[in-house]
Protein backbone atom coordinates (compact mmCIF):
# COMPACT_ATOMS: atom_id res chain seq x y z
CA MET A 1 -57.14 -66.85 2.91
CA HIS A 2 -55.36 -64.59 0.54
CA THR A 3 -56.03 -63.20 -2.66
CA VAL A 4 -53.60 -63.01 -5.36
CA ASN A 5 -54.47 -60.54 -8.96
CA ILE A 6 -55.11 -62.74 -12.01
CA HIS A 7 -51.49 -62.03 -13.26
CA GLU A 8 -50.05 -63.54 -10.20
CA ALA A 9 -52.26 -66.46 -10.48
CA LYS A 10 -51.19 -66.93 -14.06
CA THR A 11 -47.72 -66.56 -13.16
CA HIS A 12 -47.87 -69.04 -9.95
CA LEU A 13 -50.70 -71.53 -10.81
CA SER A 14 -49.00 -74.50 -10.73
CA ARG A 15 -47.89 -73.74 -7.19
CA LEU A 16 -51.32 -72.13 -6.01
CA VAL A 17 -53.26 -75.33 -7.75
CA GLU A 18 -51.44 -77.68 -5.26
CA GLU A 19 -52.19 -75.32 -2.17
CA ALA A 20 -55.41 -75.26 -3.16
CA ALA A 21 -55.57 -78.95 -3.01
CA GLN A 22 -53.89 -79.31 -0.22
CA GLY A 23 -57.16 -76.87 1.46
CA LYS A 24 -55.58 -73.84 1.08
CA SER A 25 -57.89 -71.90 -0.68
CA PHE A 26 -57.47 -68.46 -2.48
CA ILE A 27 -59.63 -65.50 -4.27
CA ILE A 28 -58.73 -64.50 -7.35
CA ALA A 29 -59.49 -60.79 -8.29
CA LYS A 30 -59.14 -58.11 -10.88
CA ALA A 31 -58.24 -54.62 -10.18
CA GLY A 32 -59.01 -55.06 -6.39
CA LYS A 33 -61.53 -56.83 -6.60
CA PRO A 34 -62.13 -60.04 -6.10
CA LEU A 35 -64.09 -61.93 -8.51
CA VAL A 36 -63.67 -66.18 -7.76
CA LYS A 37 -62.29 -68.46 -4.90
CA VAL A 38 -60.25 -71.32 -5.62
CA SER A 39 -60.66 -74.56 -3.31
CA SER A 40 -60.51 -77.71 -3.11
CA LEU A 41 -62.86 -80.50 -4.56
CA SER A 42 -64.80 -82.56 -1.71
CA GLU A 43 -63.46 -86.16 -1.91
CA GLU A 44 -66.85 -87.67 -3.71
CA GLU A 45 -66.06 -84.41 -6.41
CA LYS A 46 -62.64 -85.98 -6.95
CA LYS A 47 -63.94 -89.45 -7.19
CA GLY A 48 -66.74 -88.62 -9.88
CA VAL A 49 -69.70 -90.27 -8.08
CA ARG A 50 -73.26 -90.03 -10.57
CA LYS A 51 -75.95 -90.33 -8.31
CA THR A 52 -78.22 -92.72 -10.39
CA GLY A 53 -81.74 -91.01 -10.66
CA PHE A 54 -81.19 -87.70 -8.82
CA MET A 55 -83.93 -86.34 -10.46
CA ALA A 56 -86.45 -89.32 -10.78
CA GLY A 57 -90.08 -87.55 -10.45
CA GLU A 58 -88.70 -84.52 -12.20
CA ILE A 59 -88.90 -85.69 -15.92
CA LEU A 60 -91.85 -87.17 -17.04
CA VAL A 61 -91.74 -89.29 -20.49
CA PRO A 62 -94.93 -89.87 -22.26
CA ASP A 63 -95.61 -93.72 -23.48
CA ASP A 64 -95.76 -93.28 -26.64
CA PHE A 65 -92.11 -91.37 -26.63
CA ASP A 66 -90.53 -93.89 -29.39
CA SER A 67 -93.61 -93.59 -31.39
CA MET A 68 -93.99 -89.52 -31.43
CA GLU A 69 -94.16 -87.67 -34.39
CA LYS A 70 -92.86 -90.78 -36.41
CA GLU A 71 -94.64 -89.85 -39.61
CA GLU A 72 -92.75 -86.26 -39.80
CA MET A 73 -89.58 -87.89 -39.15
CA MET A 74 -89.70 -90.47 -42.13
CA MET A 75 -90.65 -87.54 -44.41
CA LEU A 76 -87.69 -85.93 -43.22
CA PHE A 77 -85.64 -88.97 -43.92
CA GLU A 78 -87.02 -89.60 -47.08
CA GLY A 79 -86.70 -85.71 -47.68
CA LYS A 80 -90.64 -85.38 -48.39
CA VAL A 81 -90.96 -82.48 -46.34
CA SER A 82 -90.55 -79.13 -48.28
């Protein structure tokens, strides 16, 4: 894996991105210190697959969610809150 400085990355961005897309990862460095690694996306990432239910059991929605703070909301809409 090769390292390029920021100036070189800006100058040759199109070529570097094409190489990374073909599996040739590279590192961008600033003042000789590595900052980021650029690599190609996995097939799943390319497709933008979203996993339904990936947070199942992580979030609890109360039964009265639709009516919570109903009076306060109505007062806000009617401009009655000081």
